[in-house]
PDB file of all heavy atoms in Angstrom:
ATOM      1  N   GLN A   1       0.878  -1.165   0.000  1.00  0.00           N
ATOM      2  CA  GLN A   1       0.000   0.000   0.000  1.00  0.00           C
ATOM      3  C   GLN A   1       0.919   1.220   0.000  1.00  0.00           C
ATOM      4  O   GLN A   1       1.623   1.459   0.980  1.00  0.00           O
ATOM      5  CB  GLN A   1      -0.912  -0.003   1.224  1.00  0.00           C
ATOM      6  CG  GLN A   1      -1.952  -1.103   1.179  1.00  0.00           C
ATOM      7  CD  GLN A   1      -3.013  -0.960   2.245  1.00  0.00           C
ATOM      8  OE1 GLN A   1      -2.819  -0.271   3.235  1.00  0.00           O
ATOM      9  NE2 GLN A   1      -4.145  -1.612   2.048  1.00  0.00           N
ATOM     10  N   GLY A   2       0.924   1.927  -1.128  1.00  0.00           N
ATOM     11  CA  GLY A   2       1.833   3.053  -1.269  1.00  0.00           C
ATOM     12  C   GLY A   2       1.107   4.334  -1.614  1.00  0.00           C
ATOM     13  O   GLY A   2      -0.085   4.330  -1.938  1.00  0.00           O
ATOM     14  N   ASP A   3       1.839   5.436  -1.552  1.00  0.00           N
ATOM     15  CA  ASP A   3       1.258   6.756  -1.818  1.00  0.00           C
ATOM     16  C   ASP A   3       1.227   7.031  -3.329  1.00  0.00           C
ATOM     17  O   ASP A   3       1.863   7.958  -3.825  1.00  0.00           O
ATOM     18  CB  ASP A   3       2.027   7.842  -1.055  1.00  0.00           C
ATOM     19  CG  ASP A   3       3.519   7.833  -1.330  1.00  0.00           C
ATOM     20  OD1 ASP A   3       3.997   6.966  -2.122  1.00  0.00           O
ATOM     21  OD2 ASP A   3       4.226   8.686  -0.771  1.00  0.00           O
ATOM     22  N   LEU A   4       0.453   6.217  -4.031  1.00  0.00           N
ATOM     23  CA  LEU A   4       0.386   6.332  -5.483  1.00  0.00           C
ATOM     24  C   LEU A   4      -0.316   7.606  -5.942  1.00  0.00           C
ATOM     25  O   LEU A   4      -0.236   7.971  -7.117  1.00  0.00           O
ATOM     26  CB  LEU A   4      -0.315   5.107  -6.082  1.00  0.00           C
ATOM     27  CG  LEU A   4       0.439   3.779  -5.907  1.00  0.00           C
ATOM     28  CD1 LEU A   4      -0.372   2.630  -6.491  1.00  0.00           C
ATOM     29  CD2 LEU A   4       1.819   3.840  -6.546  1.00  0.00           C
ATOM     30  N   HIS A   5      -0.984   8.290  -5.019  1.00  0.00           N
ATOM     31  CA  HIS A   5      -1.568   9.589  -5.376  1.00  0.00           C
ATOM     32  C   HIS A   5      -0.469  10.627  -5.637  1.00  0.00           C
ATOM     33  O   HIS A   5      -0.729  11.654  -6.269  1.00  0.00           O
ATOM     34  CB  HIS A   5      -2.504  10.083  -4.267  1.00  0.00           C
ATOM     35  CG  HIS A   5      -1.820  10.301  -2.953  1.00  0.00           C
ATOM     36  ND1 HIS A   5      -1.428   9.250  -2.139  1.00  0.00           N
ATOM     37  CD2 HIS A   5      -1.443  11.439  -2.313  1.00  0.00           C
ATOM     38  CE1 HIS A   5      -0.842   9.738  -1.059  1.00  0.00           C
ATOM     39  NE2 HIS A   5      -0.841  11.057  -1.131  1.00  0.00           N
ATOM     40  N   ILE A   6       0.741  10.340  -5.147  1.00  0.00           N
ATOM     41  CA  ILE A   6       1.892  11.218  -5.435  1.00  0.00           C
ATOM     42  C   ILE A   6       2.527  10.761  -6.746  1.00  0.00           C
ATOM     43  O   ILE A   6       2.530  11.461  -7.739  1.00  0.00           O
ATOM     44  CB  ILE A   6       2.906  11.203  -4.274  1.00  0.00           C
ATOM     45  CG1 ILE A   6       2.250  11.791  -3.011  1.00  0.00           C
ATOM     46  CG2 ILE A   6       4.177  11.969  -4.650  1.00  0.00           C
ATOM     47  CD1 ILE A   6       3.094  11.710  -1.776  1.00  0.00           C
ATOM     48  N   ASP A   7       3.100   9.583  -6.729  1.00  0.00           N
ATOM     49  CA  ASP A   7       3.590   8.891  -7.927  1.00  0.00           C
ATOM     50  C   ASP A   7       4.044   7.503  -7.501  1.00  0.00           C
ATOM     51  O   ASP A   7       3.817   7.091  -6.358  1.00  0.00           O
ATOM     52  CB  ASP A   7       4.697   9.677  -8.651  1.00  0.00           C
ATOM     53  CG  ASP A   7       6.003   9.784  -7.864  1.00  0.00           C
ATOM     54  OD1 ASP A   7       6.140   9.136  -6.805  1.00  0.00           O
ATOM     55  OD2 ASP A   7       6.901  10.519  -8.317  1.00  0.00           O
ATOM     56  N   GLY A   8       4.680   6.778  -8.395  1.00  0.00           N
ATOM     57  CA  GLY A   8       5.062   5.404  -8.094  1.00  0.00           C
ATOM     58  C   GLY A   8       6.427   5.229  -7.464  1.00  0.00           C
ATOM     59  O   GLY A   8       6.821   4.109  -7.123  1.00  0.00           O
ATOM     60  N   HIS A   9       7.157   6.328  -7.282  1.00  0.00           N
ATOM     61  CA  HIS A   9       8.557   6.217  -6.854  1.00  0.00           C
ATOM     62  C   HIS A   9       8.714   5.503  -5.519  1.00  0.00           C
ATOM     63  O   HIS A   9       9.499   4.554  -5.398  1.00  0.00           O
ATOM     64  CB  HIS A   9       9.195   7.609  -6.792  1.00  0.00           C
ATOM     65  CG  HIS A   9      10.680   7.571  -6.593  1.00  0.00           C
ATOM     66  ND1 HIS A   9      11.259   7.331  -5.362  1.00  0.00           N
ATOM     67  CD2 HIS A   9      11.702   7.719  -7.463  1.00  0.00           C
ATOM     68  CE1 HIS A   9      12.575   7.353  -5.491  1.00  0.00           C
ATOM     69  NE2 HIS A   9      12.868   7.579  -6.750  1.00  0.00           N
ATOM     70  N   HIS A  10       7.997   5.956  -4.485  1.00  0.00           N
ATOM     71  CA  HIS A  10       8.162   5.352  -3.162  1.00  0.00           C
ATOM     72  C   HIS A  10       7.755   3.880  -3.173  1.00  0.00           C
ATOM     73  O   HIS A  10       8.412   3.034  -2.551  1.00  0.00           O
ATOM     74  CB  HIS A  10       7.326   6.108  -2.119  1.00  0.00           C
ATOM     75  CG  HIS A  10       7.714   7.539  -1.968  1.00  0.00           C
ATOM     76  ND1 HIS A  10       6.794   8.537  -1.732  1.00  0.00           N
ATOM     77  CD2 HIS A  10       8.922   8.153  -2.038  1.00  0.00           C
ATOM     78  CE1 HIS A  10       7.421   9.701  -1.652  1.00  0.00           C
ATOM     79  NE2 HIS A  10       8.707   9.500  -1.839  1.00  0.00           N
ATOM     80  N   THR A  11       6.694   3.562  -3.905  1.00  0.00           N
ATOM     81  CA  THR A  11       6.219   2.179  -3.973  1.00  0.00           C
ATOM     82  C   THR A  11       7.269   1.270  -4.594  1.00  0.00           C
ATOM     83  O   THR A  11       7.585   0.205  -4.056  1.00  0.00           O
ATOM     84  CB  THR A  11       4.900   2.108  -4.777  1.00  0.00           C
ATOM     85  OG1 THR A  11       3.874   2.762  -4.021  1.00  0.00           O
ATOM     86  CG2 THR A  11       4.493   0.669  -5.047  1.00  0.00           C
ATOM     87  N   VAL A  12       7.840   1.675  -5.712  1.00  0.00           N
ATOM     88  CA  VAL A  12       8.807   0.826  -6.415  1.00  0.00           C
ATOM     89  C   VAL A  12      10.116   0.722  -5.631  1.00  0.00           C
ATOM     90  O   VAL A  12      10.641  -0.381  -5.417  1.00  0.00           O
ATOM     91  CB  VAL A  12       9.068   1.356  -7.841  1.00  0.00           C
ATOM     92  CG1 VAL A  12      10.202   0.587  -8.503  1.00  0.00           C
ATOM     93  CG2 VAL A  12       7.794   1.253  -8.682  1.00  0.00           C
ATOM     94  N   GLU A  13      10.636   1.848  -5.173  1.00  0.00           N
ATOM     95  CA  GLU A  13      11.905   1.823  -4.448  1.00  0.00           C
ATOM     96  C   GLU A  13      11.775   1.050  -3.136  1.00  0.00           C
ATOM     97  O   GLU A  13      12.630   0.197  -2.819  1.00  0.00           O
ATOM     98  CB  GLU A  13      12.372   3.250  -4.155  1.00  0.00           C
ATOM     99  CG  GLU A  13      13.715   3.298  -3.443  1.00  0.00           C
ATOM    100  CD  GLU A  13      14.181   4.725  -3.195  1.00  0.00           C
ATOM    101  OE1 GLU A  13      13.338   5.607  -2.920  1.00  0.00           O
ATOM    102  OE2 GLU A  13      15.402   4.953  -3.262  1.00  0.00           O
ATOM    103  N   ASP A  14      10.732   1.311  -2.376  1.00  0.00           N
ATOM    104  CA  ASP A  14      10.574   0.640  -1.086  1.00  0.00           C
ATOM    105  C   ASP A  14      10.302  -0.854  -1.255  1.00  0.00           C
ATOM    106  O   ASP A  14      10.708  -1.664  -0.422  1.00  0.00           O
ATOM    107  CB  ASP A  14       9.447   1.292  -0.282  1.00  0.00           C
ATOM    108  CG  ASP A  14       9.817   2.678   0.232  1.00  0.00           C
ATOM    109  OD1 ASP A  14      10.910   3.170  -0.121  1.00  0.00           O
ATOM    110  OD2 ASP A  14       9.016   3.272   0.967  1.00  0.00           O
ATOM    111  N   THR A  15       9.638  -1.233  -2.336  1.00  0.00           N
ATOM    112  CA  THR A  15       9.453  -2.652  -2.618  1.00  0.00           C
ATOM    113  C   THR A  15      10.787  -3.318  -2.912  1.00  0.00           C
ATOM    114  O   THR A  15      11.052  -4.439  -2.454  1.00  0.00           O
ATOM    115  CB  THR A  15       8.477  -2.848  -3.796  1.00  0.00           C
ATOM    116  OG1 THR A  15       7.204  -2.297  -3.448  1.00  0.00           O
ATOM    117  CG2 THR A  15       8.309  -4.316  -4.129  1.00  0.00           C
ATOM    118  N   GLY A  16      11.647  -2.638  -3.646  1.00  0.00           N
ATOM    119  CA  GLY A  16      13.000  -3.160  -3.885  1.00  0.00           C
ATOM    120  C   GLY A  16      13.760  -3.354  -2.585  1.00  0.00           C
ATOM    121  O   GLY A  16      14.428  -4.376  -2.382  1.00  0.00           O
ATOM    122  N   ILE A  17      13.639  -2.381  -1.684  1.00  0.00           N
ATOM    123  CA  ILE A  17      14.292  -2.487  -0.369  1.00  0.00           C
ATOM    124  C   ILE A  17      13.755  -3.699   0.388  1.00  0.00           C
ATOM    125  O   ILE A  17      14.523  -4.501   0.938  1.00  0.00           O
ATOM    126  CB  ILE A  17      14.079  -1.198   0.448  1.00  0.00           C
ATOM    127  CG1 ILE A  17      14.843  -0.026  -0.182  1.00  0.00           C
ATOM    128  CG2 ILE A  17      14.517  -1.399   1.902  1.00  0.00           C
ATOM    129  CD1 ILE A  17      14.481   1.337   0.409  1.00  0.00           C
ATOM    130  N   ALA A  18      12.437  -3.844   0.427  1.00  0.00           N
ATOM    131  CA  ALA A  18      11.820  -4.926   1.201  1.00  0.00           C
ATOM    132  C   ALA A  18      12.155  -6.300   0.628  1.00  0.00           C
ATOM    133  O   ALA A  18      12.438  -7.250   1.378  1.00  0.00           O
ATOM    134  CB  ALA A  18      10.312  -4.734   1.259  1.00  0.00           C
ATOM    135  N   ILE A  19      12.160  -6.435  -0.700  1.00  0.00           N
ATOM    136  CA  ILE A  19      12.509  -7.725  -1.304  1.00  0.00           C
ATOM    137  C   ILE A  19      13.984  -8.044  -1.046  1.00  0.00           C
ATOM    138  O   ILE A  19      14.339  -9.182  -0.739  1.00  0.00           O
ATOM    139  CB  ILE A  19      12.193  -7.738  -2.814  1.00  0.00           C
ATOM    140  CG1 ILE A  19      10.676  -7.643  -3.032  1.00  0.00           C
ATOM    141  CG2 ILE A  19      12.724  -9.019  -3.467  1.00  0.00           C
ATOM    142  CD1 ILE A  19      10.272  -7.520  -4.495  1.00  0.00           C
ATOM    143  N   GLY A  20      14.842  -7.036  -1.141  1.00  0.00           N
ATOM    144  CA  GLY A  20      16.262  -7.252  -0.843  1.00  0.00           C
ATOM    145  C   GLY A  20      16.487  -7.697   0.590  1.00  0.00           C
ATOM    146  O   GLY A  20      17.256  -8.633   0.859  1.00  0.00           O
ATOM    147  N   GLN A  21      15.808  -7.052   1.541  1.00  0.00           N
ATOM    148  CA  GLN A  21      15.926  -7.435   2.949  1.00  0.00           C
ATOM    149  C   GLN A  21      15.461  -8.872   3.173  1.00  0.00           C
ATOM    150  O   GLN A  21      16.095  -9.641   3.904  1.00  0.00           O
ATOM    151  CB  GLN A  21      15.075  -6.505   3.820  1.00  0.00           C
ATOM    152  CG  GLN A  21      15.620  -5.112   3.982  1.00  0.00           C
ATOM    153  CD  GLN A  21      14.665  -4.197   4.756  1.00  0.00           C
ATOM    154  OE1 GLN A  21      13.465  -4.465   4.850  1.00  0.00           O
ATOM    155  NE2 GLN A  21      15.199  -3.114   5.296  1.00  0.00           N
ATOM    156  N   THR A  22      14.371  -9.241   2.514  1.00  0.00           N
ATOM    157  CA  THR A  22      13.812 -10.573   2.692  1.00  0.00           C
ATOM    158  C   THR A  22      14.720 -11.628   2.085  1.00  0.00           C
ATOM    159  O   THR A  22      14.927 -12.711   2.666  1.00  0.00           O
ATOM    160  CB  THR A  22      12.400 -10.653   2.071  1.00  0.00           C
ATOM    161  OG1 THR A  22      11.646  -9.505   2.478  1.00  0.00           O
ATOM    162  CG2 THR A  22      11.670 -11.895   2.538  1.00  0.00           C
ATOM    163  N   LEU A  23      15.295 -11.329   0.930  1.00  0.00           N
ATOM    164  CA  LEU A  23      16.265 -12.242   0.309  1.00  0.00           C
ATOM    165  C   LEU A  23      17.449 -12.463   1.240  1.00  0.00           C
ATOM    166  O   LEU A  23      17.897 -13.599   1.449  1.00  0.00           O
ATOM    167  CB  LEU A  23      16.748 -11.668  -1.024  1.00  0.00           C
ATOM    168  CG  LEU A  23      17.858 -12.459  -1.713  1.00  0.00           C
ATOM    169  CD1 LEU A  23      17.320 -13.764  -2.282  1.00  0.00           C
ATOM    170  CD2 LEU A  23      18.513 -11.623  -2.808  1.00  0.00           C
ATOM    171  N   ARG A  24      17.947 -11.387   1.808  1.00  0.00           N
ATOM    172  CA  ARG A  24      19.106 -11.470   2.698  1.00  0.00           C
ATOM    173  C   ARG A  24      18.804 -12.353   3.906  1.00  0.00           C
ATOM    174  O   ARG A  24      19.629 -13.188   4.307  1.00  0.00           O
ATOM    175  CB  ARG A  24      19.490 -10.060   3.144  1.00  0.00           C
ATOM    176  CG  ARG A  24      20.914  -9.932   3.647  1.00  0.00           C
ATOM    177  CD  ARG A  24      21.295  -8.482   3.816  1.00  0.00           C
ATOM    178  NE  ARG A  24      20.691  -7.886   4.981  1.00  0.00           N
ATOM    179  CZ  ARG A  24      20.035  -6.727   5.008  1.00  0.00           C
ATOM    180  NH1 ARG A  24      19.870  -6.039   3.902  1.00  0.00           N
ATOM    181  NH2 ARG A  24      19.533  -6.258   6.127  1.00  0.00           N
ATOM    182  N   GLN A  25      17.622 -12.201   4.480  1.00  0.00           N
ATOM    183  CA  GLN A  25      17.240 -13.031   5.627  1.00  0.00           C
ATOM    184  C   GLN A  25      17.139 -14.499   5.234  1.00  0.00           C
ATOM    185  O   GLN A  25      17.600 -15.386   5.967  1.00  0.00           O
ATOM    186  CB  GLN A  25      15.894 -12.562   6.180  1.00  0.00           C
ATOM    187  CG  GLN A  25      15.935 -11.214   6.874  1.00  0.00           C
ATOM    188  CD  GLN A  25      14.537 -10.763   7.285  1.00  0.00           C
ATOM    189  OE1 GLN A  25      13.687 -11.570   7.618  1.00  0.00           O
ATOM    190  NE2 GLN A  25      14.301  -9.463   7.237  1.00  0.00           N
ATOM    191  N   ALA A  26      16.524 -14.762   4.081  1.00  0.00           N
ATOM    192  CA  ALA A  26      16.341 -16.150   3.643  1.00  0.00           C
ATOM    193  C   ALA A  26      17.670 -16.835   3.351  1.00  0.00           C
ATOM    194  O   ALA A  26      17.811 -18.051   3.551  1.00  0.00           O
ATOM    195  CB  ALA A  26      15.443 -16.192   2.411  1.00  0.00           C
ATOM    196  N   LEU A  27      18.655 -16.073   2.894  1.00  0.00           N
ATOM    197  CA  LEU A  27      19.970 -16.647   2.576  1.00  0.00           C
ATOM    198  C   LEU A  27      20.792 -16.967   3.822  1.00  0.00           C
ATOM    199  O   LEU A  27      21.710 -17.791   3.755  1.00  0.00           O
ATOM    200  CB  LEU A  27      20.761 -15.682   1.691  1.00  0.00           C
ATOM    201  CG  LEU A  27      20.377 -15.657   0.219  1.00  0.00           C
ATOM    202  CD1 LEU A  27      21.019 -14.460  -0.467  1.00  0.00           C
ATOM    203  CD2 LEU A  27      20.771 -16.949  -0.474  1.00  0.00           C
ATOM    204  N   GLY A  28      20.491 -16.323   4.943  1.00  0.00           N
ATOM    205  CA  GLY A  28      21.269 -16.568   6.158  1.00  0.00           C
ATOM    206  C   GLY A  28      22.734 -16.237   5.942  1.00  0.00           C
ATOM    207  O   GLY A  28      23.078 -15.185   5.385  1.00  0.00           O
ATOM    208  N   ASP A  29      23.621 -17.160   6.337  1.00  0.00           N
ATOM    209  CA  ASP A  29      25.065 -16.893   6.164  1.00  0.00           C
ATOM    210  C   ASP A  29      25.581 -17.360   4.801  1.00  0.00           C
ATOM    211  O   ASP A  29      26.771 -17.326   4.542  1.00  0.00           O
ATOM    212  CB  ASP A  29      25.882 -17.511   7.302  1.00  0.00           C
ATOM    213  CG  ASP A  29      25.799 -19.038   7.325  1.00  0.00           C
ATOM    214  OD1 ASP A  29      25.180 -19.631   6.415  1.00  0.00           O
ATOM    215  OD2 ASP A  29      26.339 -19.645   8.272  1.00  0.00           O
ATOM    216  N   LYS A  30      24.677 -17.820   3.932  1.00  0.00           N
ATOM    217  CA  LYS A  30      24.976 -18.187   2.535  1.00  0.00           C
ATOM    218  C   LYS A  30      25.806 -19.456   2.406  1.00  0.00           C
ATOM    219  O   LYS A  30      26.465 -19.665   1.384  1.00  0.00           O
ATOM    220  CB  LYS A  30      25.638 -17.016   1.801  1.00  0.00           C
ATOM    221  CG  LYS A  30      24.811 -15.744   1.847  1.00  0.00           C
ATOM    222  CD  LYS A  30      25.568 -14.558   1.284  1.00  0.00           C
ATOM    223  CE  LYS A  30      24.831 -13.260   1.587  1.00  0.00           C
ATOM    224  NZ  LYS A  30      25.642 -12.082   1.302  1.00  0.00           N
TER     225      LYS A  30
END
């Protein structure tokens, strides 16, 4: 749920951040 009434920037960038964080957690110590 993003502030799309402004534009898509926060939604796309923050989704990239969240997916990256989740990938990092799932990988553990690799």
